[in-house]
Amino acid sequence: MSDNEVAPKRKTRVKPKLERPRLHKVILVNDDYTPRDFVVMVLKAIFRMSEEAGYRVMMTAHKLGTSVVVVCARDIAETKAKEATDLGKEAGYPLMFTTEPEE
């Protein structure tokens, strides 16, 4: 090797560790005014549930006060919760869906 030659330097690549986005739960909150059939219809329309699954989620909320409807990415959860709540408001019911981060 002569003095004019330069040994190539190795570049180290650093891969940033990306965390998966945190998932959020959409929660159905029970109330005493919204008819059960309407709640099941909203669950079928917005969350693409079957009649049986919608009924189970609605009854869980009825008995326990709240029920987890679906777990998904934050923006999807917030959009679906807002759509479902707005559908209840349009029909004149106090139907309410909330979101919270999954633990």
Protein backbone atom coordinates (compact mmCIF):
# COMPACT_ATOMS: atom_id res chain seq x y z
CA MET A 1 0.00 0.00 0.00
CA SER A 2 1.35 3.38 -0.89
CA ASP A 3 0.83 6.63 0.98
CA ASN A 4 -1.67 7.90 -1.64
CA GLU A 5 -4.16 5.06 -1.21
CA VAL A 6 -6.89 5.46 1.36
CA ALA A 7 -8.55 2.45 2.88
CA PRO A 8 -12.33 2.60 2.40
CA LYS A 9 -14.20 3.37 5.59
CA ARG A 10 -17.06 1.16 6.53
CA LYS A 11 -20.28 2.97 7.20
CA THR A 12 -22.43 1.58 9.93
CA ARG A 13 -26.10 1.69 9.28
CA VAL A 14 -28.35 2.37 12.20
CA LYS A 15 -31.86 1.10 11.86
CA PRO A 16 -34.25 3.07 13.99
CA LYS A 17 -36.47 0.87 16.09
CA LEU A 18 -40.03 1.64 15.19
CA GLU A 19 -42.70 0.77 17.67
CA ARG A 20 -46.02 -0.52 16.50
CA PRO A 21 -48.76 2.07 16.90
CA ARG A 22 -50.70 1.68 20.10
CA LEU A 23 -54.10 0.06 19.66
CA HIS A 24 -57.29 1.64 20.99
CA LYS A 25 -60.54 0.11 22.20
CA VAL A 26 -63.95 1.32 21.06
CA ILE A 27 -66.29 1.05 24.03
CA LEU A 28 -70.09 0.99 23.98
CA VAL A 29 -71.56 2.81 27.00
CA ASN A 30 -74.95 1.59 28.20
CA ASP A 31 -77.87 3.97 28.61
CA ASP A 32 -81.49 3.42 29.62
CA TYR A 33 -83.10 5.12 26.60
CA THR A 34 -81.64 3.71 23.38
CA PRO A 35 -83.62 0.67 22.16
CA ARG A 36 -81.71 -2.60 21.99
CA ASP A 37 -82.64 -3.17 18.35
CA PHE A 38 -81.22 0.22 17.41
CA VAL A 39 -77.92 -0.53 19.18
CA VAL A 40 -77.62 -3.86 17.34
CA MET A 41 -78.39 -2.11 14.04
CA VAL A 42 -75.60 0.45 14.69
CA LEU A 43 -73.13 -2.31 15.57
CA LYS A 44 -74.01 -4.13 12.34
CA ALA A 45 -73.84 -0.99 10.18
CA ILE A 46 -70.71 0.70 11.55
CA PHE A 47 -68.68 -2.19 12.93
CA ARG A 48 -69.77 -4.85 10.39
CA MET A 49 -70.88 -7.27 13.10
CA SER A 50 -73.26 -10.14 12.64
CA GLU A 51 -76.66 -10.00 14.32
CA GLU A 52 -75.51 -12.48 16.98
CA ALA A 53 -72.21 -10.70 17.73
CA GLY A 54 -73.96 -7.33 17.91
CA TYR A 55 -76.54 -8.72 20.30
CA ARG A 56 -73.80 -10.19 22.54
CA VAL A 57 -71.89 -6.87 22.68
CA MET A 58 -75.12 -4.95 23.39
CA MET A 59 -76.14 -7.35 26.19
CA THR A 60 -72.66 -7.18 27.76
CA ALA A 61 -72.93 -3.38 27.87
CA HIS A 62 -76.47 -3.66 29.22
CA LYS A 63 -75.41 -5.95 32.07
CA LEU A 64 -71.97 -4.49 32.91
CA GLY A 65 -72.38 -0.84 31.92
CA THR A 66 -69.78 -0.90 29.13
CA SER A 67 -68.55 -3.32 26.50
CA VAL A 68 -65.51 -3.38 24.22
CA VAL A 69 -66.73 -3.38 20.63
CA VAL A 70 -63.46 -3.56 18.69
CA VAL A 71 -59.72 -2.98 19.13
CA CYS A 72 -57.94 -1.20 16.27
CA ALA A 73 -55.63 1.69 15.34
CA ARG A 74 -56.40 5.02 17.04
CA ASP A 75 -57.64 6.93 14.00
CA ILE A 76 -59.94 4.10 12.93
CA ALA A 77 -61.28 3.68 16.48
CA GLU A 78 -62.01 7.39 16.84
CA THR A 79 -63.69 7.58 13.43
CA LYS A 80 -65.94 4.57 14.07
CA ALA A 81 -66.85 5.76 17.57
CA LYS A 82 -67.82 9.19 16.20
CA GLU A 83 -69.85 7.69 13.34
CA ALA A 84 -71.76 5.41 15.70
CA THR A 85 -72.41 8.18 18.24
CA ASP A 86 -73.56 10.54 15.48
CA LEU A 87 -75.95 7.88 14.16
CA GLY A 88 -77.55 7.72 17.60
CA LYS A 89 -77.81 11.51 17.83
CA GLU A 90 -79.47 11.70 14.41
CA ALA A 91 -82.10 9.23 15.61
CA GLY A 92 -82.57 11.19 18.85
CA TYR A 93 -80.93 8.70 21.20
CA PRO A 94 -78.13 9.30 23.73
CA LEU A 95 -76.12 6.37 22.34
CA MET A 96 -72.45 6.82 23.20
CA PHE A 97 -69.23 5.17 22.07
CA THR A 98 -65.84 6.13 23.53
CA THR A 99 -62.23 5.20 22.82
CA GLU A 100 -59.31 4.51 25.11
CA PRO A 101 -55.82 3.09 24.65
CA GLU A 102 -55.42 -0.63 25.09
CA GLU A 103 -53.21 -1.64 28.00
